[in-house]
Amino acid sequence: MESDLQGLVAKYGMRDLYNGLQVIMKKEYDFLCSHFQKPVEVQTPLEVAPIVQPVKVKKVRKERVKKSVPQPEVVNEESILEIKEVVVTDKIYRDPKEMKEYQKKAEDDKRKENEAAGIQLNQILTKENLKQWVETDGRTYAWVAREKAGCPETQVAATAQMMGIKSKISKRRGILMGGK
């Protein structure tokens, strides 16, 4: 077959041979398609709807409205209400810097209070006290340092660890980290 093809290429040239083969293959393909396939309906392309990109809508911030507290009506001068100054001691801090300052100030105040009363740190940070505050009451090392001991939180944590006492937070972290 190879020698026959070489003879055809020599007689007609590569281009004419290729074009002749294309014509023959197209006729046979059309015949085979009409014989084995159902007639194909030519569909007109559908109109393509333009792509609409979603518009980003900015969130509308709600304005806070301060409600005014209704003032009691003053009937006469004898019924004037006394205004008492209320000091909030348990302020919720959201800024870590403010919380550190608050913690440090509270620790210093408690340390001075303990020194004035003649109480030493080793009398406060006993195994029984730490076990009660940390494990039983569920307090944090920071709370013990701030409210009871008057020393840095790290010192309370180190003392508790030496005594084998872990806070609930430390236990939870250990479980999450894969420890015991």
N, C-alpha and C. Protein backbone atom coordinates (compact mmCIF):
# COMPACT_ATOMS: atom_id res chain seq x y z
N MET A 1 0.83 -1.18 0.00
CA MET A 1 0.00 0.00 0.00
C MET A 1 0.87 1.25 0.00
N GLU A 2 1.98 1.14 0.69
CA GLU A 2 2.88 2.29 0.75
C GLU A 2 3.44 2.64 -0.62
N SER A 3 3.77 1.63 -1.38
CA SER A 3 4.31 1.90 -2.71
C SER A 3 3.24 2.49 -3.64
N ASP A 4 1.97 2.06 -3.45
CA ASP A 4 0.87 2.63 -4.24
C ASP A 4 0.69 4.11 -3.90
N LEU A 5 0.76 4.43 -2.62
CA LEU A 5 0.61 5.83 -2.20
C LEU A 5 1.75 6.67 -2.75
N GLN A 6 2.96 6.15 -2.70
CA GLN A 6 4.11 6.90 -3.25
C GLN A 6 3.95 7.12 -4.75
N GLY A 7 3.35 6.12 -5.46
CA GLY A 7 3.09 6.27 -6.89
C GLY A 7 2.07 7.36 -7.14
N LEU A 8 0.99 7.43 -6.29
CA LEU A 8 -0.04 8.46 -6.44
C LEU A 8 0.53 9.84 -6.15
N VAL A 9 1.39 9.94 -5.12
CA VAL A 9 2.00 11.23 -4.78
C VAL A 9 2.89 11.67 -5.94
N ALA A 10 3.62 10.74 -6.54
CA ALA A 10 4.50 11.08 -7.65
C ALA A 10 3.70 11.51 -8.88
N LYS A 11 2.55 10.86 -9.09
CA LYS A 11 1.75 11.15 -10.27
C LYS A 11 0.95 12.44 -10.12
N TYR A 12 0.25 12.66 -8.92
CA TYR A 12 -0.66 13.80 -8.77
C TYR A 12 -0.11 14.91 -7.85
N GLY A 13 0.84 14.61 -7.04
CA GLY A 13 1.36 15.59 -6.09
C GLY A 13 0.64 15.46 -4.74
N MET A 14 1.30 15.92 -3.72
CA MET A 14 0.79 15.77 -2.35
C MET A 14 -0.51 16.54 -2.14
N ARG A 15 -0.60 17.79 -2.64
CA ARG A 15 -1.78 18.62 -2.42
C ARG A 15 -3.01 18.01 -3.09
N ASP A 16 -2.91 17.60 -4.36
CA ASP A 16 -4.06 17.05 -5.07
C ASP A 16 -4.50 15.74 -4.43
N LEU A 17 -3.55 14.92 -4.01
CA LEU A 17 -3.88 13.66 -3.35
C LEU A 17 -4.64 13.93 -2.05
N TYR A 18 -4.17 14.90 -1.27
CA TYR A 18 -4.82 15.26 0.01
C TYR A 18 -6.24 15.75 -0.24
N ASN A 19 -6.43 16.69 -1.19
CA ASN A 19 -7.76 17.22 -1.49
C ASN A 19 -8.69 16.12 -1.99
N GLY A 20 -8.19 15.19 -2.81
CA GLY A 20 -9.01 14.07 -3.30
C GLY A 20 -9.46 13.18 -2.17
N LEU A 21 -8.54 12.88 -1.25
CA LEU A 21 -8.90 12.07 -0.08
C LEU A 21 -9.95 12.77 0.78
N GLN A 22 -9.85 14.07 0.93
CA GLN A 22 -10.82 14.83 1.73
C GLN A 22 -12.21 14.72 1.12
N VAL A 23 -12.32 14.83 -0.20
CA VAL A 23 -13.62 14.75 -0.88
C VAL A 23 -14.22 13.36 -0.69
N ILE A 24 -13.41 12.32 -0.87
CA ILE A 24 -13.89 10.94 -0.71
C ILE A 24 -14.35 10.69 0.72
N MET A 25 -13.53 11.15 1.72
CA MET A 25 -13.88 10.93 3.13
C MET A 25 -15.16 11.68 3.51
N LYS A 26 -15.38 12.87 2.96
CA LYS A 26 -16.59 13.65 3.27
C LYS A 26 -17.82 12.93 2.75
N LYS A 27 -17.76 12.39 1.50
CA LYS A 27 -18.90 11.67 0.94
C LYS A 27 -19.23 10.45 1.79
N GLU A 28 -18.22 9.69 2.18
CA GLU A 28 -18.46 8.49 2.97
C GLU A 28 -18.98 8.84 4.36
N TYR A 29 -18.45 9.89 4.94
CA TYR A 29 -18.91 10.34 6.27
C TYR A 29 -20.39 10.73 6.22
N ASP A 30 -20.79 11.51 5.20
CA ASP A 30 -22.19 11.92 5.07
C ASP A 30 -23.10 10.71 4.91
N PHE A 31 -22.66 9.73 4.10
CA PHE A 31 -23.46 8.52 3.91
C PHE A 31 -23.62 7.76 5.22
N LEU A 32 -22.51 7.59 5.94
CA LEU A 32 -22.56 6.84 7.20
C LEU A 32 -23.41 7.57 8.25
N CYS A 33 -23.32 8.87 8.27
CA CYS A 33 -24.12 9.64 9.23
C CYS A 33 -25.60 9.52 8.91
N SER A 34 -25.96 9.59 7.64
CA SER A 34 -27.38 9.51 7.28
C SER A 34 -27.91 8.10 7.52
N HIS A 35 -27.06 7.12 7.43
CA HIS A 35 -27.50 5.75 7.62
C HIS A 35 -27.63 5.36 9.10
N PHE A 36 -26.68 5.80 9.95
CA PHE A 36 -26.66 5.37 11.34
C PHE A 36 -27.23 6.38 12.33
N GLN A 37 -27.33 7.62 11.97
CA GLN A 37 -27.82 8.63 12.92
C GLN A 37 -29.15 9.15 12.47
N LYS A 38 -29.89 9.66 13.46
CA LYS A 38 -31.14 10.36 13.15
C LYS A 38 -30.75 11.70 12.56
N PRO A 39 -31.60 12.23 11.73
CA PRO A 39 -31.26 13.54 11.17
C PRO A 39 -31.14 14.57 12.29
N VAL A 40 -30.13 15.33 12.19
CA VAL A 40 -29.85 16.35 13.20
C VAL A 40 -30.55 17.63 12.80
N GLU A 41 -31.35 18.14 13.75
CA GLU A 41 -32.02 19.41 13.50
C GLU A 41 -31.05 20.53 13.80
N VAL A 42 -30.96 21.42 12.87
CA VAL A 42 -30.08 22.55 13.08
C VAL A 42 -30.83 23.59 13.89
N GLN A 43 -30.27 23.93 15.00
CA GLN A 43 -30.91 24.91 15.87
C GLN A 43 -30.23 26.25 15.70
N THR A 44 -31.05 27.26 15.74
CA THR A 44 -30.49 28.60 15.68
C THR A 44 -29.98 28.96 17.06
N PRO A 45 -28.90 29.62 17.11
CA PRO A 45 -28.38 29.96 18.44
C PRO A 45 -29.35 30.88 19.18
N LEU A 46 -29.52 30.58 20.45
CA LEU A 46 -30.41 31.40 21.27
C LEU A 46 -29.76 32.74 21.55
N GLU A 47 -30.63 33.67 21.77
CA GLU A 47 -30.11 34.98 22.14
C GLU A 47 -29.50 34.89 23.52
N VAL A 48 -28.34 35.38 23.65
CA VAL A 48 -27.64 35.32 24.92
C VAL A 48 -27.98 36.58 25.71
N ALA A 49 -28.52 36.34 26.89
CA ALA A 49 -28.86 37.48 27.74
C ALA A 49 -27.56 38.08 28.27
N PRO A 50 -27.52 39.39 28.35
CA PRO A 50 -26.30 40.00 28.87
C PRO A 50 -26.09 39.59 30.33
N ILE A 51 -24.85 39.39 30.67
CA ILE A 51 -24.51 38.98 32.04
C ILE A 51 -24.58 40.21 32.93
N VAL A 52 -25.40 40.05 33.95
CA VAL A 52 -25.57 41.16 34.89
C VAL A 52 -24.78 40.82 36.14
N GLN A 53 -23.86 41.67 36.46
CA GLN A 53 -23.07 41.46 37.67
C GLN A 53 -23.84 42.04 38.84
N PRO A 54 -23.82 41.30 39.96
CA PRO A 54 -24.54 41.80 41.12
C PRO A 54 -23.93 43.11 41.62
N VAL A 55 -24.79 43.98 42.02
CA VAL A 55 -24.35 45.27 42.52
C VAL A 55 -24.10 45.14 44.01
N LYS A 56 -22.96 45.57 44.43
CA LYS A 56 -22.65 45.51 45.86
C LYS A 56 -23.41 46.61 46.57
N VAL A 57 -24.18 46.18 47.55
CA VAL A 57 -24.98 47.12 48.31
C VAL A 57 -24.26 47.39 49.62
N LYS A 58 -24.03 48.60 49.90
CA LYS A 58 -23.36 48.95 51.16
C LYS A 58 -24.36 48.80 52.29
N LYS A 59 -23.85 48.29 53.38
CA LYS A 59 -24.69 48.14 54.56
C LYS A 59 -25.00 49.52 55.13
N VAL A 60 -26.22 49.70 55.42
CA VAL A 60 -26.61 50.97 56.02
C VAL A 60 -26.46 50.84 57.52
N ARG A 61 -25.69 51.70 58.07
CA ARG A 61 -25.48 51.65 59.51
C ARG A 61 -26.66 52.30 60.21
N LYS A 62 -27.06 51.63 61.23
CA LYS A 62 -28.15 52.18 62.02
C LYS A 62 -27.59 53.20 63.00
N GLU A 63 -28.24 54.27 63.07
CA GLU A 63 -27.80 55.28 64.02
C GLU A 63 -28.40 54.97 65.37
N ARG A 64 -27.59 55.12 66.36
CA ARG A 64 -28.09 54.89 67.72
C ARG A 64 -28.82 56.13 68.19
N VAL A 65 -29.95 55.86 68.73
CA VAL A 65 -30.75 56.95 69.24
C VAL A 65 -30.76 56.83 70.75
N LYS A 66 -30.35 57.87 71.41
CA LYS A 66 -30.35 57.86 72.86
C LYS A 66 -31.74 58.24 73.34
N LYS A 67 -32.28 57.33 74.11
CA LYS A 67 -33.60 57.60 74.65
C LYS A 67 -33.44 58.46 75.90
N SER A 68 -34.25 59.44 75.96
CA SER A 68 -34.19 60.30 77.14
C SER A 68 -35.06 59.70 78.23
N VAL A 69 -34.52 59.71 79.42
CA VAL A 69 -35.24 59.18 80.56
C VAL A 69 -36.20 60.26 81.04
N PRO A 70 -37.47 59.90 81.17
CA PRO A 70 -38.42 60.92 81.60
C PRO A 70 -38.09 61.39 83.02
N GLN A 71 -38.04 62.68 83.17
CA GLN A 71 -37.73 63.28 84.47
C GLN A 71 -39.02 63.36 85.30
N PRO A 72 -38.92 63.02 86.57
CA PRO A 72 -40.13 63.12 87.41
C PRO A 72 -40.50 64.60 87.58
N GLU A 73 -41.76 64.80 87.58
CA GLU A 73 -42.24 66.17 87.74
C GLU A 73 -42.07 66.60 89.20
N VAL A 74 -41.58 67.78 89.39
CA VAL A 74 -41.38 68.32 90.74
C VAL A 74 -42.67 69.05 91.13
N VAL A 75 -43.29 68.52 92.18
CA VAL A 75 -44.55 69.13 92.60
C VAL A 75 -44.27 70.38 93.43
N ASN A 76 -43.39 70.25 94.37
CA ASN A 76 -43.02 71.42 95.15
C ASN A 76 -41.56 71.29 95.53
N GLU A 77 -41.04 72.27 96.19
CA GLU A 77 -39.61 72.30 96.51
C GLU A 77 -39.23 71.24 97.54
N GLU A 78 -40.17 70.73 98.30
CA GLU A 78 -39.87 69.73 99.32
C GLU A 78 -39.60 68.35 98.73
N SER A 79 -40.10 68.10 97.52
CA SER A 79 -39.95 66.76 96.95
C SER A 79 -38.79 66.69 95.94
N ILE A 80 -37.73 67.43 96.18
CA ILE A 80 -36.56 67.39 95.31
C ILE A 80 -35.82 66.10 95.58
N LEU A 81 -35.51 65.38 94.51
CA LEU A 81 -34.82 64.10 94.64
C LEU A 81 -33.33 64.32 94.84
N GLU A 82 -32.74 63.47 95.66
CA GLU A 82 -31.30 63.52 95.86
C GLU A 82 -30.64 62.68 94.77
N ILE A 83 -29.57 63.19 94.25
CA ILE A 83 -28.82 62.45 93.23
C ILE A 83 -27.59 61.88 93.91
N LYS A 84 -27.48 60.58 93.85
CA LYS A 84 -26.34 59.90 94.47
C LYS A 84 -25.35 59.54 93.38
N GLU A 85 -24.07 59.67 93.70
CA GLU A 85 -23.03 59.32 92.76
C GLU A 85 -22.75 57.82 92.89
N VAL A 86 -22.84 57.12 91.80
CA VAL A 86 -22.62 55.69 91.80
C VAL A 86 -21.31 55.42 91.10
N VAL A 87 -20.44 54.67 91.76
CA VAL A 87 -19.15 54.33 91.18
C VAL A 87 -19.21 52.86 90.74
N VAL A 88 -18.97 52.61 89.48
CA VAL A 88 -18.98 51.26 88.96
C VAL A 88 -17.56 50.72 89.05
N THR A 89 -17.41 49.63 89.81
CA THR A 89 -16.07 49.07 89.99
C THR A 89 -15.76 47.98 88.99
N ASP A 90 -16.75 47.23 88.55
CA ASP A 90 -16.53 46.15 87.59
C ASP A 90 -16.80 46.65 86.18
N LYS A 91 -15.91 47.45 85.68
CA LYS A 91 -16.05 47.98 84.32
C LYS A 91 -15.60 46.91 83.34
N ILE A 92 -16.34 46.74 82.28
CA ILE A 92 -15.96 45.76 81.26
C ILE A 92 -14.99 46.44 80.31
N TYR A 93 -13.79 45.89 80.23
CA TYR A 93 -12.76 46.46 79.37
C TYR A 93 -12.72 45.68 78.07
N ARG A 94 -12.63 46.38 77.00
CA ARG A 94 -12.53 45.72 75.71
C ARG A 94 -11.14 45.94 75.12
N ASP A 95 -10.46 46.96 75.56
CA ASP A 95 -9.14 47.25 75.04
C ASP A 95 -8.10 46.52 75.90
N PRO A 96 -7.26 45.69 75.31
CA PRO A 96 -6.28 44.95 76.11
C PRO A 96 -5.35 45.84 76.91
N LYS A 97 -5.02 47.00 76.35
CA LYS A 97 -4.13 47.91 77.06
C LYS A 97 -4.80 48.42 78.34
N GLU A 98 -6.09 48.77 78.25
CA GLU A 98 -6.82 49.22 79.43
C GLU A 98 -6.93 48.10 80.46
N MET A 99 -7.17 46.88 79.98
CA MET A 99 -7.31 45.75 80.89
C MET A 99 -6.01 45.49 81.63
N LYS A 100 -4.88 45.60 80.94
CA LYS A 100 -3.58 45.41 81.59
C LYS A 100 -3.34 46.47 82.66
N GLU A 101 -3.70 47.71 82.34
CA GLU A 101 -3.54 48.79 83.32
C GLU A 101 -4.43 48.54 84.53
N TYR A 102 -5.67 48.12 84.28
CA TYR A 102 -6.61 47.83 85.36
C TYR A 102 -6.07 46.70 86.24
N GLN A 103 -5.58 45.63 85.60
CA GLN A 103 -5.05 44.48 86.33
C GLN A 103 -3.86 44.89 87.18
N LYS A 104 -2.94 45.65 86.60
CA LYS A 104 -1.73 46.08 87.32
C LYS A 104 -2.08 46.97 88.51
N LYS A 105 -3.01 47.89 88.29
CA LYS A 105 -3.42 48.79 89.37
C LYS A 105 -4.08 48.01 90.50
N ALA A 106 -4.95 47.06 90.15
CA ALA A 106 -5.64 46.27 91.17
C ALA A 106 -4.64 45.40 91.94
N GLU A 107 -3.66 44.84 91.23
CA GLU A 107 -2.64 44.03 91.90
C GLU A 107 -1.83 44.88 92.88
N ASP A 108 -1.44 46.10 92.44
CA ASP A 108 -0.68 47.00 93.32
C ASP A 108 -1.49 47.39 94.54
N ASP A 109 -2.77 47.72 94.34
CA ASP A 109 -3.63 48.11 95.47
C ASP A 109 -3.77 46.96 96.47
N LYS A 110 -3.97 45.74 95.97
CA LYS A 110 -4.14 44.59 96.86
C LYS A 110 -2.84 44.28 97.59
N ARG A 111 -1.68 44.42 96.90
CA ARG A 111 -0.39 44.18 97.54
C ARG A 111 -0.19 45.15 98.70
N LYS A 112 -0.50 46.44 98.45
CA LYS A 112 -0.35 47.45 99.52
C LYS A 112 -1.29 47.15 100.68
N GLU A 113 -2.50 46.71 100.36
CA GLU A 113 -3.48 46.38 101.39
C GLU A 113 -2.98 45.19 102.24
N ASN A 114 -2.44 44.18 101.56
CA ASN A 114 -1.92 43.01 102.28
C ASN A 114 -0.70 43.37 103.13
N GLU A 115 0.20 44.23 102.60
CA GLU A 115 1.37 44.65 103.36
C GLU A 115 0.95 45.45 104.60
N ALA A 116 -0.07 46.29 104.45
CA ALA A 116 -0.56 47.07 105.60
C ALA A 116 -1.16 46.16 106.66
N ALA A 117 -1.79 45.06 106.23
CA ALA A 117 -2.39 44.13 107.18
C ALA A 117 -1.37 43.12 107.71
N GLY A 118 -0.16 43.13 107.17
CA GLY A 118 0.89 42.22 107.63
C GLY A 118 0.75 40.82 107.06
N ILE A 119 0.04 40.67 105.96
CA ILE A 119 -0.15 39.36 105.34
C ILE A 119 0.92 39.16 104.27
N GLN A 120 1.59 38.01 104.32
CA GLN A 120 2.61 37.72 103.32
C GLN A 120 2.02 36.87 102.20
N LEU A 121 2.70 36.89 101.08
CA LEU A 121 2.20 36.21 99.88
C LEU A 121 2.10 34.70 100.08
N ASN A 122 3.06 34.11 100.79
CA ASN A 122 3.04 32.66 100.99
C ASN A 122 1.89 32.23 101.90
N GLN A 123 1.31 33.16 102.66
CA GLN A 123 0.14 32.85 103.48
C GLN A 123 -1.13 32.81 102.61
N ILE A 124 -1.12 33.55 101.53
CA ILE A 124 -2.29 33.62 100.66
C ILE A 124 -2.27 32.50 99.62
N LEU A 125 -1.11 32.29 98.99
CA LEU A 125 -1.01 31.31 97.92
C LEU A 125 -0.70 29.92 98.47
N THR A 126 -1.59 29.42 99.29
CA THR A 126 -1.45 28.06 99.82
C THR A 126 -2.18 27.11 98.89
N LYS A 127 -1.87 25.82 99.03
CA LYS A 127 -2.49 24.82 98.16
C LYS A 127 -4.01 24.79 98.37
N GLU A 128 -4.44 24.90 99.61
CA GLU A 128 -5.88 24.85 99.92
C GLU A 128 -6.61 26.05 99.30
N ASN A 129 -6.02 27.24 99.49
CA ASN A 129 -6.65 28.45 98.94
C ASN A 129 -6.73 28.39 97.41
N LEU A 130 -5.62 28.05 96.78
CA LEU A 130 -5.60 27.99 95.32
C LEU A 130 -6.56 26.93 94.79
N LYS A 131 -6.60 25.78 95.46
CA LYS A 131 -7.52 24.72 95.03
C LYS A 131 -8.97 25.21 95.14
N GLN A 132 -9.29 25.92 96.21
CA GLN A 132 -10.65 26.44 96.40
C GLN A 132 -10.99 27.47 95.33
N TRP A 133 -10.13 28.44 95.15
CA TRP A 133 -10.44 29.53 94.22
C TRP A 133 -10.42 29.07 92.76
N VAL A 134 -9.38 28.33 92.39
CA VAL A 134 -9.18 28.01 90.98
C VAL A 134 -10.02 26.82 90.54
N GLU A 135 -9.94 25.71 91.27
CA GLU A 135 -10.65 24.51 90.83
C GLU A 135 -12.11 24.49 91.27
N THR A 136 -12.39 24.81 92.52
CA THR A 136 -13.75 24.72 93.01
C THR A 136 -14.61 25.90 92.54
N ASP A 137 -14.12 27.13 92.77
CA ASP A 137 -14.90 28.32 92.39
C ASP A 137 -14.79 28.65 90.91
N GLY A 138 -13.80 28.10 90.23
CA GLY A 138 -13.64 28.36 88.79
C GLY A 138 -13.06 29.73 88.47
N ARG A 139 -12.33 30.30 89.39
CA ARG A 139 -11.72 31.62 89.16
C ARG A 139 -10.46 31.49 88.31
N THR A 140 -10.06 32.59 87.71
CA THR A 140 -8.85 32.60 86.88
C THR A 140 -7.65 33.00 87.73
N TYR A 141 -6.45 32.73 87.19
CA TYR A 141 -5.23 33.15 87.88
C TYR A 141 -5.20 34.67 88.01
N ALA A 142 -5.70 35.36 87.00
CA ALA A 142 -5.73 36.82 87.02
C ALA A 142 -6.62 37.31 88.16
N TRP A 143 -7.75 36.65 88.39
CA TRP A 143 -8.65 37.05 89.46
C TRP A 143 -7.97 36.86 90.81
N VAL A 144 -7.30 35.73 90.99
CA VAL A 144 -6.61 35.46 92.26
C VAL A 144 -5.54 36.51 92.49
N ALA A 145 -4.79 36.83 91.43
CA ALA A 145 -3.73 37.84 91.55
C ALA A 145 -4.30 39.20 91.88
N ARG A 146 -5.42 39.54 91.26
CA ARG A 146 -6.02 40.87 91.41
C ARG A 146 -6.77 41.02 92.73
N GLU A 147 -7.56 40.02 93.10
CA GLU A 147 -8.47 40.16 94.23
C GLU A 147 -7.93 39.61 95.55
N LYS A 148 -6.99 38.68 95.48
CA LYS A 148 -6.54 38.02 96.71
C LYS A 148 -5.06 38.24 97.02
N ALA A 149 -4.19 37.98 96.03
CA ALA A 149 -2.76 37.92 96.31
C ALA A 149 -2.04 39.25 96.17
N GLY A 150 -2.37 40.04 95.18
CA GLY A 150 -1.65 41.29 94.96
C GLY A 150 -0.28 41.06 94.36
N CYS A 151 -0.17 40.05 93.50
CA CYS A 151 1.09 39.77 92.82
C CYS A 151 0.77 39.53 91.34
N PRO A 152 1.79 39.44 90.49
CA PRO A 152 1.52 39.21 89.06
C PRO A 152 0.81 37.88 88.82
N GLU A 153 0.00 37.86 87.79
CA GLU A 153 -0.77 36.68 87.40
C GLU A 153 0.16 35.50 87.10
N THR A 154 1.30 35.78 86.50
CA THR A 154 2.24 34.71 86.15
C THR A 154 2.78 34.01 87.39
N GLN A 155 2.92 34.77 88.46
CA GLN A 155 3.41 34.18 89.71
C GLN A 155 2.36 33.24 90.29
N VAL A 156 1.09 33.64 90.22
CA VAL A 156 0.01 32.78 90.71
C VAL A 156 -0.04 31.51 89.88
N ALA A 157 0.07 31.65 88.56
CA ALA A 157 0.01 30.49 87.66
C ALA A 157 1.17 29.54 87.94
N ALA A 158 2.36 30.07 88.12
CA ALA A 158 3.53 29.23 88.38
C ALA A 158 3.39 28.50 89.72
N THR A 159 2.90 29.20 90.74
CA THR A 159 2.71 28.58 92.05
C THR A 159 1.67 27.47 91.97
N ALA A 160 0.58 27.73 91.25
CA ALA A 160 -0.48 26.72 91.12
C ALA A 160 0.03 25.51 90.35
N GLN A 161 0.82 25.72 89.32
CA GLN A 161 1.35 24.59 88.55
C GLN A 161 2.31 23.75 89.38
N MET A 162 3.11 24.41 90.23
CA MET A 162 4.02 23.66 91.09
C MET A 162 3.24 22.78 92.06
N MET A 163 2.05 23.22 92.44
CA MET A 163 1.23 22.46 93.38
C MET A 163 0.30 21.48 92.65
N GLY A 164 0.36 21.45 91.31
CA GLY A 164 -0.47 20.52 90.53
C GLY A 164 -1.90 20.98 90.35
N ILE A 165 -2.13 22.28 90.46
CA ILE A 165 -3.48 22.83 90.31
C ILE A 165 -3.59 23.48 88.94
N LYS A 166 -4.65 23.13 88.21
CA LYS A 166 -4.87 23.72 86.89
C LYS A 166 -6.24 24.39 86.87
N SER A 167 -6.30 25.56 86.23
CA SER A 167 -7.59 26.23 86.08
C SER A 167 -8.39 25.52 85.00
N LYS A 168 -9.69 25.79 84.95
CA LYS A 168 -10.54 25.16 83.94
C LYS A 168 -10.09 25.58 82.55
N ILE A 169 -9.62 26.80 82.41
CA ILE A 169 -9.16 27.28 81.11
C ILE A 169 -7.91 26.53 80.68
N SER A 170 -6.99 26.32 81.62
CA SER A 170 -5.76 25.58 81.30
C SER A 170 -6.07 24.14 80.92
N LYS A 171 -7.01 23.53 81.63
CA LYS A 171 -7.39 22.15 81.33
C LYS A 171 -8.01 22.08 79.93
N ARG A 172 -8.86 23.03 79.62
CA ARG A 172 -9.52 23.08 78.31
C ARG A 172 -8.50 23.25 77.20
N ARG A 173 -7.53 24.13 77.43
CA ARG A 173 -6.48 24.32 76.43
C ARG A 173 -5.68 23.05 76.22
N GLY A 174 -5.40 22.35 77.32
CA GLY A 174 -4.65 21.11 77.23
C GLY A 174 -5.40 20.06 76.43
N ILE A 175 -6.69 19.98 76.61
CA ILE A 175 -7.51 19.02 75.87
C ILE A 175 -7.53 19.40 74.38
N LEU A 176 -7.67 20.69 74.09
CA LEU A 176 -7.71 21.12 72.71
C LEU A 176 -6.38 20.92 72.00
N MET A 177 -5.30 21.07 72.74
CA MET A 177 -3.97 20.92 72.14
C MET A 177 -3.56 19.45 72.04
N GLY A 178 -4.39 18.56 72.56
CA GLY A 178 -4.08 17.13 72.45
C GLY A 178 -3.37 16.58 73.66
N GLY A 179 -3.24 17.39 74.68
CA GLY A 179 -2.59 16.91 75.90
C GLY A 179 -3.60 16.34 76.86
N LYS A 180 -3.16 16.13 78.08
CA LYS A 180 -4.07 15.60 79.10
C LYS A 180 -4.32 16.61 80.18
